[in-house]
Amino acid sequence: MQLPPLNALRVFEAVARLGHMGAAAAELHVTPGAVSHQIRSLQLSLGVELFEKRGRQLVLTEQGSVLQRSVRKAMDALTGGIREVANQKSADISKSVLTISMPQVHGVAWLATRLFQFMGDNRNFTLNVVTAGQFSAVDWRKVDVAVVYGVPPWPGFWWRLLHGIRMTAVCSPQLLRGPNAIRQLSDLANHRLLHEDDGSQWRRYYAAAGGTYMGYSDVYFDDFGIVLQAARDGYGVALSDEIISARDLDEGRLVQPLPLAVPAIHNYYCLCAESKRERPDISYFIDWLIAEASVTSAPHRDNVAR
């Protein structure tokens, strides 16, 4: 029998230990929808029910208890081995000071909490964090590693895709009510479309939906944080990705009025100057960052408004 994906077992272990999908999602920094999807897939692949619901808690079935014991032992062994290897590599690096650049909204939504975890595990690193969204805005005289939102190539720089994202419409729950409630693509004509580009992403969205983008009452901002806040406050509909909007969607400040999601024109990349890529401390940090992204990339979401 083929083994289930490691990530599905990791999600199962967290749900089994915490007894709640929301709590497991918070610990793993993914959405409850992603956790639910992984548990369903695991149960289907094994052909057994692993949990039963008792009130608000999820309780392991007999088969679930058997799997939980084995998975816990395996996870402990893997965690111990990885920590030992990482500590040995980190110990080989003398005291290091790195300057990290990140987009402000992405940093708040995804990266900042992970940086605190990194510093807690790697006492020989000091991180200075600055914000810049685009490659051209990064001060490469000072920055060692950057996360940027854009499209390669960038001559003279090494880069790696961090998050390949898909864009979906998001809005305040209040836009799902009343005479102009959003139920289908044509209903967007009754609302402002919020964006931080020239309309290219909205045109791609409409093309994928088989519609024609008309630029209805568009409002442009050069700061995506303002775009999201305007959407939360009910001033229009934005296009966002699940990494940036995960917490807003989970906590109900934003909803997805339509099920369509399309590949983003731009994505998040990790960059550094080619001349610095082989520096041990930079290489170590980049490897850690890419590993973190691989755990949480492309989450599955089920809570689309219906």
Protein backbone atom coordinates (compact mmCIF):
# COMPACT_ATOMS: atom_id res chain seq x y z
CA MET A 1 0.00 0.00 0.00
CA GLN A 2 1.31 3.44 -0.95
CA LEU A 3 2.03 5.74 1.99
CA PRO A 4 -0.14 8.88 2.28
CA PRO A 5 1.59 12.24 1.73
CA LEU A 6 3.69 13.37 4.69
CA ASN A 7 1.81 16.66 4.90
CA ALA A 8 -1.52 14.84 5.32
CA LEU A 9 -0.06 12.85 8.23
CA ARG A 10 1.31 16.03 9.77
CA VAL A 11 -2.15 17.62 9.60
CA PHE A 12 -3.74 14.47 11.03
CA GLU A 13 -1.34 14.48 13.98
CA ALA A 14 -2.17 18.09 14.82
CA VAL A 15 -5.94 17.51 14.65
CA ALA A 16 -5.63 14.31 16.71
CA ARG A 17 -3.62 16.10 19.39
CA LEU A 18 -5.71 19.27 19.53
CA GLY A 19 -9.15 17.81 18.82
CA HIS A 20 -10.21 20.71 16.62
CA MET A 21 -9.55 21.61 12.98
CA GLY A 22 -9.45 25.34 13.68
CA ALA A 23 -6.83 24.89 16.39
CA ALA A 24 -4.76 22.66 14.11
CA ALA A 25 -5.01 25.22 11.30
CA ALA A 26 -3.77 27.97 13.62
CA GLU A 27 -0.81 25.88 14.75
CA LEU A 28 0.15 24.92 11.20
CA HIS A 29 -0.43 28.42 9.81
CA VAL A 30 -2.89 27.16 7.18
CA THR A 31 -6.64 27.56 6.77
CA PRO A 32 -9.31 25.32 8.35
CA GLY A 33 -10.41 24.50 4.82
CA ALA A 34 -6.94 23.18 4.03
CA VAL A 35 -6.99 21.02 7.17
CA SER A 36 -10.44 19.67 6.37
CA HIS A 37 -9.35 18.82 2.84
CA GLN A 38 -6.25 16.95 4.04
CA ILE A 39 -8.25 14.92 6.59
CA ARG A 40 -10.90 13.98 4.02
CA SER A 41 -8.24 12.94 1.52
CA LEU A 42 -6.42 10.85 4.14
CA GLN A 43 -9.60 9.07 5.20
CA LEU A 44 -10.52 8.35 1.58
CA SER A 45 -7.06 6.96 0.82
CA LEU A 46 -7.15 4.69 3.89
CA GLY A 47 -10.82 3.77 3.55
CA VAL A 48 -11.57 4.38 7.23
CA GLU A 49 -13.02 7.11 9.45
CA LEU A 50 -10.34 8.56 11.69
CA PHE A 51 -12.50 10.94 13.74
CA GLU A 52 -15.99 11.24 15.12
CA LYS A 53 -17.56 14.47 16.30
CA ARG A 54 -18.59 14.93 19.91
CA GLY A 55 -19.96 18.40 20.44
CA ARG A 56 -17.31 20.79 19.17
CA GLN A 57 -14.48 18.30 19.62
CA LEU A 58 -13.15 15.72 17.20
CA VAL A 59 -12.42 12.40 18.89
CA LEU A 60 -10.28 9.64 17.40
CA THR A 61 -11.95 6.44 16.31
CA GLU A 62 -10.27 3.12 17.13
CA GLN A 63 -8.52 3.15 13.75
CA GLY A 64 -7.58 6.79 14.28
CA SER A 65 -5.98 5.99 17.64
CA VAL A 66 -3.84 3.27 16.07
CA LEU A 67 -2.65 5.63 13.34
CA GLN A 68 -2.08 8.49 15.78
CA ARG A 69 0.36 6.47 17.90
CA SER A 70 2.45 5.50 14.89
CA VAL A 71 2.38 8.94 13.33
CA ARG A 72 3.39 10.60 16.62
CA LYS A 73 6.44 8.35 16.94
CA ALA A 74 7.41 8.97 13.31
CA MET A 75 6.96 12.75 13.64
CA ASP A 76 9.06 12.84 16.80
CA ALA A 77 11.83 10.93 15.04
CA LEU A 78 11.70 13.18 11.97
CA THR A 79 11.61 16.36 14.04
CA GLY A 80 14.56 15.21 16.12
CA GLY A 81 16.62 14.30 13.07
CA ILE A 82 15.87 17.54 11.23
CA ARG A 83 16.60 19.64 14.31
CA GLU A 84 19.91 17.86 14.82
CA VAL A 85 20.98 18.43 11.22
CA ALA A 86 19.83 22.07 11.29
CA ASN A 87 21.59 22.75 14.58
CA GLN A 88 24.82 21.29 13.26
CA LYS A 89 24.63 23.46 10.14
CA SER A 90 23.66 26.54 12.15
CA ALA A 91 26.50 25.89 14.62
CA ASP A 92 28.96 26.01 11.75
CA ILE A 93 27.87 29.60 11.05
CA SER A 94 29.45 32.27 13.21
CA LYS A 95 27.40 35.20 14.48
CA SER A 96 25.50 36.58 11.49
CA VAL A 97 23.54 39.77 10.88
CA LEU A 98 21.19 39.66 7.89
CA THR A 99 18.94 42.34 6.46
CA ILE A 100 15.71 40.88 5.11
CA SER A 101 13.27 42.75 2.87
CA MET A 102 9.64 41.71 2.50
CA PRO A 103 6.37 43.14 1.17
CA GLN A 104 4.50 44.75 4.04
CA VAL A 105 1.19 42.88 3.69
CA HIS A 106 2.83 39.53 2.97
CA GLY A 107 5.12 40.08 5.93
CA VAL A 108 2.23 40.68 8.32
CA ALA A 109 0.14 37.82 6.94
CA TRP A 110 2.76 35.11 6.55
CA LEU A 111 6.43 35.83 7.12
CA ALA A 112 6.76 37.85 10.33
CA THR A 113 5.67 35.13 12.76
CA ARG A 114 7.98 32.66 11.06
CA LEU A 115 10.92 35.03 11.42
CA PHE A 116 10.41 35.06 15.19
CA GLN A 117 10.44 31.27 15.12
CA PHE A 118 13.64 31.31 13.06
CA MET A 119 15.38 33.64 15.49
CA GLY A 120 14.25 31.54 18.43
CA ASP A 121 15.80 28.45 16.87
CA ASN A 122 18.95 30.19 15.62
CA ARG A 123 20.45 32.33 18.35
CA ASN A 124 23.54 33.14 16.30
CA PHE A 125 21.44 35.12 13.79
CA THR A 126 20.33 38.73 14.09
CA LEU A 127 17.74 39.84 11.53
CA ASN A 128 17.06 43.40 10.46
CA VAL A 129 13.72 43.56 8.62
CA VAL A 130 12.72 46.25 6.11
CA THR A 131 9.71 46.42 3.79
CA ALA A 132 9.51 46.75 0.01
CA GLY A 133 6.99 45.18 -2.33
CA GLN A 134 8.65 45.35 -5.74
CA PHE A 135 12.17 44.44 -6.84
CA SER A 136 12.89 48.05 -7.85
CA ALA A 137 12.02 49.28 -4.35
CA VAL A 138 14.56 47.05 -2.58
CA ASP A 139 17.73 48.79 -1.42
CA TRP A 140 20.18 46.11 -2.52
CA ARG A 141 23.10 48.03 -1.00
CA LYS A 142 21.76 46.98 2.40
CA VAL A 143 19.49 43.97 1.78
CA ASP A 144 20.88 40.43 1.83
CA VAL A 145 17.70 38.45 1.07
CA ALA A 146 14.36 39.74 -0.20
CA VAL A 147 10.88 38.41 -0.79
CA VAL A 148 9.40 40.33 -3.71
CA TYR A 149 6.12 40.29 -5.60
CA GLY A 150 6.85 40.30 -9.29
CA VAL A 151 7.96 38.46 -12.42
CA PRO A 152 11.53 37.32 -13.22
CA PRO A 153 14.11 37.53 -14.68
CA TRP A 154 16.25 39.82 -12.57
CA PRO A 155 19.75 39.91 -14.11
CA GLY A 156 22.53 39.53 -11.59
CA PHE A 157 20.25 37.91 -9.01
CA TRP A 158 19.44 34.36 -7.94
CA TRP A 159 15.75 33.71 -7.36
CA ARG A 160 13.36 30.93 -6.45
CA LEU A 161 9.55 30.83 -6.53
CA LEU A 162 8.27 31.06 -2.96
CA HIS A 163 4.50 31.04 -3.47
CA GLY A 164 2.73 30.35 -6.76
CA ILE A 165 -0.57 32.04 -5.98
CA ARG A 166 -4.10 32.10 -7.39
CA MET A 167 -6.27 35.18 -7.19
CA THR A 168 -9.92 35.11 -6.15
CA ALA A 169 -12.49 37.83 -5.54
CA VAL A 170 -12.91 38.82 -1.87
CA CYS A 171 -15.30 41.25 -0.24
CA SER A 172 -17.12 42.10 2.96
CA PRO A 173 -19.97 39.72 3.89
CA GLN A 174 -22.32 42.69 3.61
CA LEU A 175 -21.94 42.62 -0.17
CA LEU A 176 -23.65 39.23 -0.21
CA ARG A 177 -26.88 40.80 1.06
CA GLY A 178 -29.41 43.25 -0.31
CA PRO A 179 -30.62 44.05 -3.84
CA ASN A 180 -27.08 44.21 -5.24
CA ALA A 181 -25.87 40.98 -3.60
CA ILE A 182 -23.03 39.29 -5.48
CA ARG A 183 -24.15 35.88 -6.71
CA GLN A 184 -22.62 35.75 -10.19
CA LEU A 185 -19.99 37.52 -12.25
CA SER A 186 -22.38 40.09 -13.71
CA ASP A 187 -23.27 41.31 -10.21
CA LEU A 188 -19.78 42.82 -9.90
CA ALA A 189 -21.03 45.60 -12.19
CA ASN A 190 -22.87 47.00 -9.14
CA HIS A 191 -19.70 47.35 -7.07
CA ARG A 192 -16.31 49.04 -7.18
CA LEU A 193 -13.40 46.90 -8.24
CA LEU A 194 -10.38 47.54 -6.03
CA HIS A 195 -6.83 46.89 -7.25
CA GLU A 196 -3.18 47.89 -7.06
CA ASP A 197 -2.31 47.48 -10.75
CA ASP A 198 -3.60 48.84 -14.06
CA GLY A 199 -6.50 46.39 -14.16
CA SER A 200 -4.51 43.54 -15.71
CA GLN A 201 -5.39 41.06 -12.96
CA TRP A 202 -9.09 41.87 -13.14
CA ARG A 203 -8.97 41.47 -16.95
CA ARG A 204 -7.40 38.02 -16.50
CA TYR A 205 -10.09 37.12 -13.96
CA TYR A 206 -12.92 38.15 -16.29
CA ALA A 207 -11.33 36.35 -19.24
CA ALA A 208 -11.12 33.12 -17.23
CA ALA A 209 -14.79 33.53 -16.26
CA GLY A 210 -15.85 34.08 -19.87
CA GLY A 211 -16.84 37.68 -19.24
CA THR A 212 -15.68 41.09 -20.40
CA TYR A 213 -13.87 43.43 -18.05
CA MET A 214 -15.42 46.88 -18.23
CA GLY A 215 -13.52 48.61 -15.42
CA TYR A 216 -16.64 49.29 -13.39
CA SER A 217 -16.03 52.10 -10.90
CA ASP A 218 -12.43 51.01 -10.43
CA VAL A 219 -10.40 52.36 -7.54
CA TYR A 220 -6.60 52.08 -7.73
CA PHE A 221 -4.27 52.07 -4.70
CA ASP A 222 -0.51 51.64 -4.73
CA ASP A 223 -0.65 49.87 -1.34
CA PHE A 224 -2.33 46.47 -1.23
CA GLY A 225 -2.96 46.88 2.49
CA ILE A 226 -5.33 49.73 1.65
CA VAL A 227 -7.01 47.56 -0.99
CA LEU A 228 -7.75 44.86 1.58
CA GLN A 229 -8.96 47.34 4.19
CA ALA A 230 -11.35 48.92 1.68
CA ALA A 231 -12.68 45.44 0.89
CA ARG A 232 -13.11 44.63 4.60
CA ASP A 233 -15.04 47.87 5.08
CA GLY A 234 -17.44 47.06 2.24
CA TYR A 235 -16.25 49.67 -0.25
CA GLY A 236 -15.73 47.23 -3.10
CA VAL A 237 -14.40 43.88 -4.30
CA ALA A 238 -10.69 43.05 -4.38
CA LEU A 239 -8.65 40.27 -5.91
CA SER A 240 -6.45 38.57 -3.35
CA ASP A 241 -4.72 35.27 -2.70
CA GLU A 242 -5.25 32.81 0.13
CA ILE A 243 -1.87 33.43 1.72
CA ILE A 244 -2.56 37.12 2.22
CA SER A 245 -6.28 36.80 3.01
CA ALA A 246 -6.32 33.51 4.93
CA ARG A 247 -6.92 35.04 8.36
CA ASP A 248 -9.56 37.49 7.10
CA LEU A 249 -11.41 34.64 5.38
CA ASP A 250 -11.16 32.32 8.38
CA GLU A 251 -12.42 34.97 10.79
CA GLY A 252 -15.21 36.18 8.51
CA ARG A 253 -14.01 39.71 7.74
CA LEU A 254 -13.80 38.73 4.08
CA VAL A 255 -15.66 36.15 2.00
CA GLN A 256 -15.21 34.72 -1.47
CA PRO A 257 -18.44 35.59 -3.31
CA LEU A 258 -17.53 33.59 -6.42
CA PRO A 259 -15.75 30.21 -6.69
CA LEU A 260 -13.37 31.18 -9.51
CA ALA A 261 -9.64 31.46 -8.80
CA VAL A 262 -7.09 32.28 -11.50
CA PRO A 263 -3.28 32.20 -11.57
CA ALA A 264 -1.77 35.50 -10.52
CA ILE A 265 0.18 37.59 -12.99
CA HIS A 266 2.84 38.11 -10.33
CA ASN A 267 4.03 35.71 -7.65
CA TYR A 268 6.20 35.83 -4.54
CA TYR A 269 9.89 35.09 -5.05
CA CYS A 270 12.89 34.79 -2.76
CA LEU A 271 15.91 36.67 -4.13
CA CYS A 272 19.50 37.47 -3.35
CA ALA A 273 22.43 38.78 -5.33
CA GLU A 274 24.19 35.98 -7.24
CA SER A 275 27.44 37.00 -5.57
CA LYS A 276 25.93 36.26 -2.12
CA ARG A 277 24.08 32.99 -2.83
CA GLU A 278 26.90 30.75 -1.59
CA ARG A 279 27.53 32.67 1.61
CA PRO A 280 26.80 30.11 4.36
CA ASP A 281 24.49 32.28 6.46
CA ILE A 282 22.47 33.48 3.45
CA SER A 283 22.29 29.97 2.01
CA TYR A 284 21.08 28.67 5.37
CA PHE A 285 18.38 31.34 5.69
CA ILE A 286 17.15 30.87 2.11
CA ASP A 287 16.92 27.09 2.54
CA TRP A 288 14.89 27.62 5.71
CA LEU A 289 12.59 30.12 3.99
CA ILE A 290 11.91 27.85 1.02
CA ALA A 291 11.20 24.92 3.35
CA GLU A 292 8.69 27.03 5.28
CA ALA A 293 6.95 28.06 2.07
CA SER A 294 6.72 24.48 0.83
CA VAL A 295 4.70 23.50 3.89
CA THR A 296 2.02 26.16 3.43
CA SER A 297 1.91 26.77 -0.31
CA ALA A 298 -1.29 26.40 -2.30
CA PRO A 299 -3.73 25.70 0.52
CA HIS A 300 -7.15 24.33 -0.35
CA ARG A 301 -10.16 26.32 0.78
CA ASP A 302 -13.75 25.17 1.13
CA ASN A 303 -15.48 28.21 2.65
CA VAL A 304 -16.51 29.93 -0.58
CA ALA A 305 -19.75 31.86 -0.06
CA ARG A 306 -22.78 30.04 -1.40
